[in-house]
Amino acid sequence: MRLDIAEHDALIVVDMQNDFMPGGALPVPGADTIVPTLNRYIERFEERALPIFFTRDWHPKTHLSFRQNGGVWPEHCIEGSEGAAFCEGLHIPSDNRFIISKGVSEEFDAYSGFQGTPLAALLNERGTRRLLVCGVATDYCVRHTLLGAENLGFRTLLLEDAVKGVDLHPGDCDAALREMMRKGAILCRYEDIFDR
């Protein structure tokens, strides 16, 4: 398969934050290993002056998803904390990039970058039609963000060489991939787009 990046494309980098890296509060196995590949995608989009959106969890300490507040997850990505910062080595361009904070209300959880954020409006303002999605975790926030995009009418490419999942229950990541493809996502890798 050979694909071209076009004028109406955008890159969505999902939740590459310290707390999701190995050693963090809620680590995704191998999440740090995809940073070099992510940077390759980011740099190609930067060269073409195409928009890049970085989503992040940005929770208050009282967030309902935390175990101490009756939720299922350990405390993570507290707004302004080191754990909520983007991970070491991730290239954040100075121009044409947007930071999308989600889960900012204590009473509202958000796995998708579209839930309670201006992401859809920003994409529509720019005439974006197709999203390339990468980051963590395949079976949680990547999945929900991509499915949200499909539900909103965007076409999607899942960058399978630039995602990592939790696989809390064995098979979760494979199931998430199948679901995303059923909804319309195309799986691709760097060489499918840029190496010709």
C-alpha atoms as a PDB file:
ATOM      1  CA  MET A   1       0.000   0.000   0.000  1.00  0.00           C
ATOM      2  CA  ARG A   2       1.222   3.503  -0.850  1.00  0.00           C
ATOM      3  CA  LEU A   3      -0.398   6.614   0.609  1.00  0.00           C
ATOM      4  CA  ASP A   4       0.217  10.313   0.195  1.00  0.00           C
ATOM      5  CA  ILE A   5      -0.032  13.029   2.817  1.00  0.00           C
ATOM      6  CA  ALA A   6      -2.388  15.693   1.522  1.00  0.00           C
ATOM      7  CA  GLU A   7      -3.354  19.283   2.249  1.00  0.00           C
ATOM      8  CA  HIS A   8      -6.380  18.298   4.338  1.00  0.00           C
ATOM      9  CA  ASP A   9      -4.558  15.844   6.641  1.00  0.00           C
ATOM     10  CA  ALA A  10      -3.702  16.297  10.323  1.00  0.00           C
ATOM     11  CA  LEU A  11      -1.623  14.270  12.781  1.00  0.00           C
ATOM     12  CA  ILE A  12      -3.075  13.346  16.177  1.00  0.00           C
ATOM     13  CA  VAL A  13      -0.508  12.319  18.816  1.00  0.00           C
ATOM     14  CA  VAL A  14      -2.375  10.795  21.742  1.00  0.00           C
ATOM     15  CA  ASP A  15      -1.275  11.150  25.388  1.00  0.00           C
ATOM     16  CA  MET A  16       2.511  10.773  25.163  1.00  0.00           C
ATOM     17  CA  GLN A  17       2.947  11.845  28.783  1.00  0.00           C
ATOM     18  CA  ASN A  18       5.384  10.857  31.514  1.00  0.00           C
ATOM     19  CA  ASP A  19       2.809   9.018  33.603  1.00  0.00           C
ATOM     20  CA  PHE A  20       2.132   6.669  30.669  1.00  0.00           C
ATOM     21  CA  MET A  21       5.824   5.895  30.132  1.00  0.00           C
ATOM     22  CA  PRO A  22       7.652   3.008  31.855  1.00  0.00           C
ATOM     23  CA  GLY A  23       8.157   4.019  35.485  1.00  0.00           C
ATOM     24  CA  GLY A  24       5.155   6.352  35.411  1.00  0.00           C
ATOM     25  CA  ALA A  25       1.995   6.168  37.487  1.00  0.00           C
ATOM     26  CA  LEU A  26       0.060   4.285  34.791  1.00  0.00           C
ATOM     27  CA  PRO A  27       2.705   2.854  32.445  1.00  0.00           C
ATOM     28  CA  VAL A  28       2.014   1.532  28.965  1.00  0.00           C
ATOM     29  CA  PRO A  29       4.586  -1.199  28.227  1.00  0.00           C
ATOM     30  CA  GLY A  30       7.087  -0.030  25.625  1.00  0.00           C
ATOM     31  CA  ALA A  31       5.529   3.416  25.242  1.00  0.00           C
ATOM     32  CA  ASP A  32       8.956   5.076  25.257  1.00  0.00           C
ATOM     33  CA  THR A  33      10.140   2.933  22.330  1.00  0.00           C
ATOM     34  CA  ILE A  34       7.781   4.605  19.846  1.00  0.00           C
ATOM     35  CA  VAL A  35       9.088   8.140  20.451  1.00  0.00           C
ATOM     36  CA  PRO A  36      11.650   8.052  17.587  1.00  0.00           C
ATOM     37  CA  THR A  37       8.977   6.872  15.138  1.00  0.00           C
ATOM     38  CA  LEU A  38       6.517   9.483  16.385  1.00  0.00           C
ATOM     39  CA  ASN A  39       9.154  12.146  15.849  1.00  0.00           C
ATOM     40  CA  ARG A  40       9.607  11.030  12.248  1.00  0.00           C
ATOM     41  CA  TYR A  41       5.902  11.539  11.588  1.00  0.00           C
ATOM     42  CA  ILE A  42       5.890  14.857  13.457  1.00  0.00           C
ATOM     43  CA  GLU A  43       8.864  16.127  11.457  1.00  0.00           C
ATOM     44  CA  ARG A  44       7.246  15.185   8.123  1.00  0.00           C
ATOM     45  CA  PHE A  45       4.077  17.056   9.066  1.00  0.00           C
ATOM     46  CA  GLU A  46       6.143  19.985  10.309  1.00  0.00           C
ATOM     47  CA  GLU A  47       8.020  20.138   6.981  1.00  0.00           C
ATOM     48  CA  ARG A  48       4.704  20.331   5.125  1.00  0.00           C
ATOM     49  CA  ALA A  49       3.216  22.927   7.522  1.00  0.00           C
ATOM     50  CA  LEU A  50       0.339  20.558   8.299  1.00  0.00           C
ATOM     51  CA  PRO A  51      -1.386  20.698  11.703  1.00  0.00           C
ATOM     52  CA  ILE A  52      -0.269  18.461  14.568  1.00  0.00           C
ATOM     53  CA  PHE A  53      -2.496  17.932  17.600  1.00  0.00           C
ATOM     54  CA  PHE A  54      -1.109  16.613  20.887  1.00  0.00           C
ATOM     55  CA  THR A  55      -3.772  15.321  23.265  1.00  0.00           C
ATOM     56  CA  ARG A  56      -3.074  14.988  26.974  1.00  0.00           C
ATOM     57  CA  ASP A  57      -4.832  13.936  30.152  1.00  0.00           C
ATOM     58  CA  TRP A  58      -4.966  17.007  32.380  1.00  0.00           C
ATOM     59  CA  HIS A  59      -6.776  15.913  35.523  1.00  0.00           C
ATOM     60  CA  PRO A  60      -7.597  17.660  38.798  1.00  0.00           C
ATOM     61  CA  LYS A  61      -6.591  15.686  41.896  1.00  0.00           C
ATOM     62  CA  THR A  62     -10.279  15.095  42.559  1.00  0.00           C
ATOM     63  CA  HIS A  63     -10.880  13.428  39.178  1.00  0.00           C
ATOM     64  CA  LEU A  64     -13.566  10.743  39.288  1.00  0.00           C
ATOM     65  CA  SER A  65     -11.403   8.159  37.462  1.00  0.00           C
ATOM     66  CA  PHE A  66      -8.925   7.886  40.358  1.00  0.00           C
ATOM     67  CA  ARG A  67      -9.257   4.994  42.782  1.00  0.00           C
ATOM     68  CA  GLN A  68      -9.305   7.242  45.827  1.00  0.00           C
ATOM     69  CA  ASN A  69     -12.305   8.994  44.245  1.00  0.00           C
ATOM     70  CA  GLY A  70     -14.157   5.782  43.395  1.00  0.00           C
ATOM     71  CA  GLY A  71     -12.649   5.232  39.935  1.00  0.00           C
ATOM     72  CA  VAL A  72     -10.587   2.413  38.460  1.00  0.00           C
ATOM     73  CA  TRP A  73      -7.202   4.048  37.775  1.00  0.00           C
ATOM     74  CA  PRO A  74      -4.330   5.140  39.997  1.00  0.00           C
ATOM     75  CA  GLU A  75      -3.832   8.874  40.228  1.00  0.00           C
ATOM     76  CA  HIS A  76      -2.143  10.079  37.024  1.00  0.00           C
ATOM     77  CA  CYS A  77      -1.530  13.144  34.843  1.00  0.00           C
ATOM     78  CA  ILE A  78      -2.429  15.711  37.488  1.00  0.00           C
ATOM     79  CA  GLU A  79      -2.661  19.110  35.792  1.00  0.00           C
ATOM     80  CA  GLY A  80       0.685  20.915  35.881  1.00  0.00           C
ATOM     81  CA  SER A  81       2.589  17.956  37.346  1.00  0.00           C
ATOM     82  CA  GLU A  82       5.721  16.328  35.977  1.00  0.00           C
ATOM     83  CA  GLY A  83       3.689  13.201  35.308  1.00  0.00           C
ATOM     84  CA  ALA A  84       1.355  15.163  33.045  1.00  0.00           C
ATOM     85  CA  ALA A  85       4.233  16.661  31.027  1.00  0.00           C
ATOM     86  CA  PHE A  86       4.968  15.311  27.581  1.00  0.00           C
ATOM     87  CA  CYS A  87       7.589  12.575  27.667  1.00  0.00           C
ATOM     88  CA  GLU A  88      11.285  13.105  27.244  1.00  0.00           C
ATOM     89  CA  GLY A  89      12.472  13.267  23.656  1.00  0.00           C
ATOM     90  CA  LEU A  90       9.070  13.929  22.072  1.00  0.00           C
ATOM     91  CA  HIS A  91       9.427  16.665  19.465  1.00  0.00           C
ATOM     92  CA  ILE A  92       6.897  19.447  20.013  1.00  0.00           C
ATOM     93  CA  PRO A  93       7.095  21.922  17.099  1.00  0.00           C
ATOM     94  CA  SER A  94       6.901  25.621  17.857  1.00  0.00           C
ATOM     95  CA  ASP A  95       4.503  26.329  14.984  1.00  0.00           C
ATOM     96  CA  ASN A  96       1.280  24.783  13.697  1.00  0.00           C
ATOM     97  CA  ARG A  97       0.816  22.568  16.735  1.00  0.00           C
ATOM     98  CA  PHE A  98      -2.083  22.417  19.145  1.00  0.00           C
ATOM     99  CA  ILE A  99      -2.296  21.057  22.694  1.00  0.00           C
ATOM    100  CA  ILE A 100      -5.651  19.450  23.510  1.00  0.00           C
ATOM    101  CA  SER A 101      -6.322  18.880  27.225  1.00  0.00           C
ATOM    102  CA  LYS A 102      -8.970  16.333  28.187  1.00  0.00           C
ATOM    103  CA  GLY A 103     -10.435  15.058  31.428  1.00  0.00           C
ATOM    104  CA  VAL A 104     -10.112  18.544  32.920  1.00  0.00           C
ATOM    105  CA  SER A 105     -13.337  18.386  34.950  1.00  0.00           C
ATOM    106  CA  GLU A 106     -13.453  16.318  38.135  1.00  0.00           C
ATOM    107  CA  GLU A 107     -16.847  14.892  37.166  1.00  0.00           C
ATOM    108  CA  PHE A 108     -16.199  14.034  33.509  1.00  0.00           C
ATOM    109  CA  ASP A 109     -13.834  11.399  32.163  1.00  0.00           C
ATOM    110  CA  ALA A 110     -12.563  11.483  28.598  1.00  0.00           C
ATOM    111  CA  TYR A 111     -10.699   8.751  26.761  1.00  0.00           C
ATOM    112  CA  SER A 112     -11.261  10.438  23.395  1.00  0.00           C
ATOM    113  CA  GLY A 113      -9.479  13.612  22.402  1.00  0.00           C
ATOM    114  CA  PHE A 114     -12.838  14.862  21.139  1.00  0.00           C
ATOM    115  CA  GLN A 115     -14.738  14.573  24.432  1.00  0.00           C
ATOM    116  CA  GLY A 116     -15.233  17.985  26.010  1.00  0.00           C
ATOM    117  CA  THR A 117     -12.460  19.592  23.915  1.00  0.00           C
ATOM    118  CA  PRO A 118     -12.247  21.976  20.923  1.00  0.00           C
ATOM    119  CA  LEU A 119     -10.507  19.349  18.771  1.00  0.00           C
ATOM    120  CA  ALA A 120     -13.345  18.807  16.266  1.00  0.00           C
ATOM    121  CA  ALA A 121     -13.909  22.538  15.850  1.00  0.00           C
ATOM    122  CA  LEU A 122     -10.217  23.202  15.265  1.00  0.00           C
ATOM    123  CA  LEU A 123     -10.036  20.445  12.653  1.00  0.00           C
ATOM    124  CA  ASN A 124     -13.151  21.677  10.881  1.00  0.00           C
ATOM    125  CA  GLU A 125     -11.882  25.266  10.832  1.00  0.00           C
ATOM    126  CA  ARG A 126      -8.852  24.026   8.914  1.00  0.00           C
ATOM    127  CA  GLY A 127     -10.845  21.929   6.488  1.00  0.00           C
ATOM    128  CA  THR A 128      -9.269  18.724   7.764  1.00  0.00           C
ATOM    129  CA  ARG A 129     -10.705  15.569   6.241  1.00  0.00           C
ATOM    130  CA  ARG A 130      -8.308  12.810   7.281  1.00  0.00           C
ATOM    131  CA  LEU A 131      -6.504  12.096  10.542  1.00  0.00           C
ATOM    132  CA  LEU A 132      -3.367  10.070  11.142  1.00  0.00           C
ATOM    133  CA  VAL A 133      -3.590   8.777  14.716  1.00  0.00           C
ATOM    134  CA  CYS A 134      -0.751   7.522  16.940  1.00  0.00           C
ATOM    135  CA  GLY A 135       0.347   7.396  20.586  1.00  0.00           C
ATOM    136  CA  VAL A 136      -0.976   5.542  23.654  1.00  0.00           C
ATOM    137  CA  ALA A 137      -2.790   3.494  24.582  1.00  0.00           C
ATOM    138  CA  THR A 138      -4.027   1.487  21.589  1.00  0.00           C
ATOM    139  CA  ASP A 139      -6.860  -0.112  23.524  1.00  0.00           C
ATOM    140  CA  TYR A 140      -7.952   3.019  25.404  1.00  0.00           C
ATOM    141  CA  CYS A 141      -7.374   6.625  24.357  1.00  0.00           C
ATOM    142  CA  VAL A 142      -6.059   5.879  20.857  1.00  0.00           C
ATOM    143  CA  ARG A 143      -9.070   3.641  20.214  1.00  0.00           C
ATOM    144  CA  HIS A 144     -11.596   6.133  21.558  1.00  0.00           C
ATOM    145  CA  THR A 145     -10.024   9.078  19.739  1.00  0.00           C
ATOM    146  CA  LEU A 146      -9.989   7.246  16.423  1.00  0.00           C
ATOM    147  CA  LEU A 147     -13.556   5.970  16.820  1.00  0.00           C
ATOM    148  CA  GLY A 148     -14.655   9.469  17.774  1.00  0.00           C
ATOM    149  CA  ALA A 149     -13.056  10.783  14.586  1.00  0.00           C
ATOM    150  CA  GLU A 150     -14.841   8.179  12.475  1.00  0.00           C
ATOM    151  CA  ASN A 151     -18.162   8.987  14.155  1.00  0.00           C
ATOM    152  CA  LEU A 152     -17.628  12.661  13.311  1.00  0.00           C
ATOM    153  CA  GLY A 153     -17.034  11.896   9.646  1.00  0.00           C
ATOM    154  CA  PHE A 154     -13.235  12.076   9.448  1.00  0.00           C
ATOM    155  CA  ARG A 155     -11.320   9.424   7.563  1.00  0.00           C
ATOM    156  CA  THR A 156      -8.626   7.803   9.683  1.00  0.00           C
ATOM    157  CA  LEU A 157      -5.260   6.140   9.356  1.00  0.00           C
ATOM    158  CA  LEU A 158      -3.900   4.285  12.387  1.00  0.00           C
ATOM    159  CA  LEU A 159      -0.106   4.422  12.458  1.00  0.00           C
ATOM    160  CA  GLU A 160       0.508   0.906  13.708  1.00  0.00           C
ATOM    161  CA  ASP A 161       4.263   1.418  14.129  1.00  0.00           C
ATOM    162  CA  ALA A 162       3.625   4.391  16.426  1.00  0.00           C
ATOM    163  CA  VAL A 163       1.113   3.027  18.956  1.00  0.00           C
ATOM    164  CA  LYS A 164       1.436   0.935  22.102  1.00  0.00           C
ATOM    165  CA  GLY A 165      -1.304  -0.647  24.180  1.00  0.00           C
ATOM    166  CA  VAL A 166      -1.919  -1.798  27.728  1.00  0.00           C
ATOM    167  CA  ASP A 167      -3.491  -5.199  26.949  1.00  0.00           C
ATOM    168  CA  LEU A 168      -4.848  -5.350  30.504  1.00  0.00           C
ATOM    169  CA  HIS A 169      -6.724  -8.447  29.401  1.00  0.00           C
ATOM    170  CA  PRO A 170      -4.761 -10.438  26.804  1.00  0.00           C
ATOM    171  CA  GLY A 171      -6.190  -9.727  23.384  1.00  0.00           C
ATOM    172  CA  ASP A 172      -7.492  -6.225  24.196  1.00  0.00           C
ATOM    173  CA  CYS A 173      -5.137  -4.565  21.708  1.00  0.00           C
ATOM    174  CA  ASP A 174      -5.992  -6.969  18.894  1.00  0.00           C
ATOM    175  CA  ALA A 175      -9.693  -6.485  19.582  1.00  0.00           C
ATOM    176  CA  ALA A 176      -9.241  -2.712  19.508  1.00  0.00           C
ATOM    177  CA  LEU A 177      -7.420  -2.910  16.165  1.00  0.00           C
ATOM    178  CA  ARG A 178     -10.186  -5.032  14.658  1.00  0.00           C
ATOM    179  CA  GLU A 179     -12.851  -2.643  15.928  1.00  0.00           C
ATOM    180  CA  MET A 180     -11.059   0.391  14.517  1.00  0.00           C
ATOM    181  CA  MET A 181     -10.694  -1.279  11.133  1.00  0.00           C
ATOM    182  CA  ARG A 182     -14.368  -2.280  11.108  1.00  0.00           C
ATOM    183  CA  LYS A 183     -15.267   1.365  11.664  1.00  0.00           C
ATOM    184  CA  GLY A 184     -13.155   2.461   8.706  1.00  0.00           C
ATOM    185  CA  ALA A 185      -9.572   2.925   9.903  1.00  0.00           C
ATOM    186  CA  ILE A 186      -6.728   1.962   7.584  1.00  0.00           C
ATOM    187  CA  LEU A 187      -3.636   0.524   9.249  1.00  0.00           C
ATOM    188  CA  CYS A 188      -0.369   1.809   7.857  1.00  0.00           C
ATOM    189  CA  ARG A 189       3.276   2.314   8.700  1.00  0.00           C
ATOM    190  CA  TYR A 190       5.871   4.996   7.997  1.00  0.00           C
ATOM    191  CA  GLU A 191       7.161   3.288   4.875  1.00  0.00           C
ATOM    192  CA  ASP A 192       3.647   3.149   3.418  1.00  0.00           C
ATOM    193  CA  ILE A 193       3.565   6.933   3.371  1.00  0.00           C
ATOM    194  CA  PHE A 194       7.055   8.368   3.164  1.00  0.00           C
ATOM    195  CA  ASP A 195       9.514   5.716   1.958  1.00  0.00           C
ATOM    196  CA  ARG A 196       9.141   5.446  -1.802  1.00  0.00           C
END
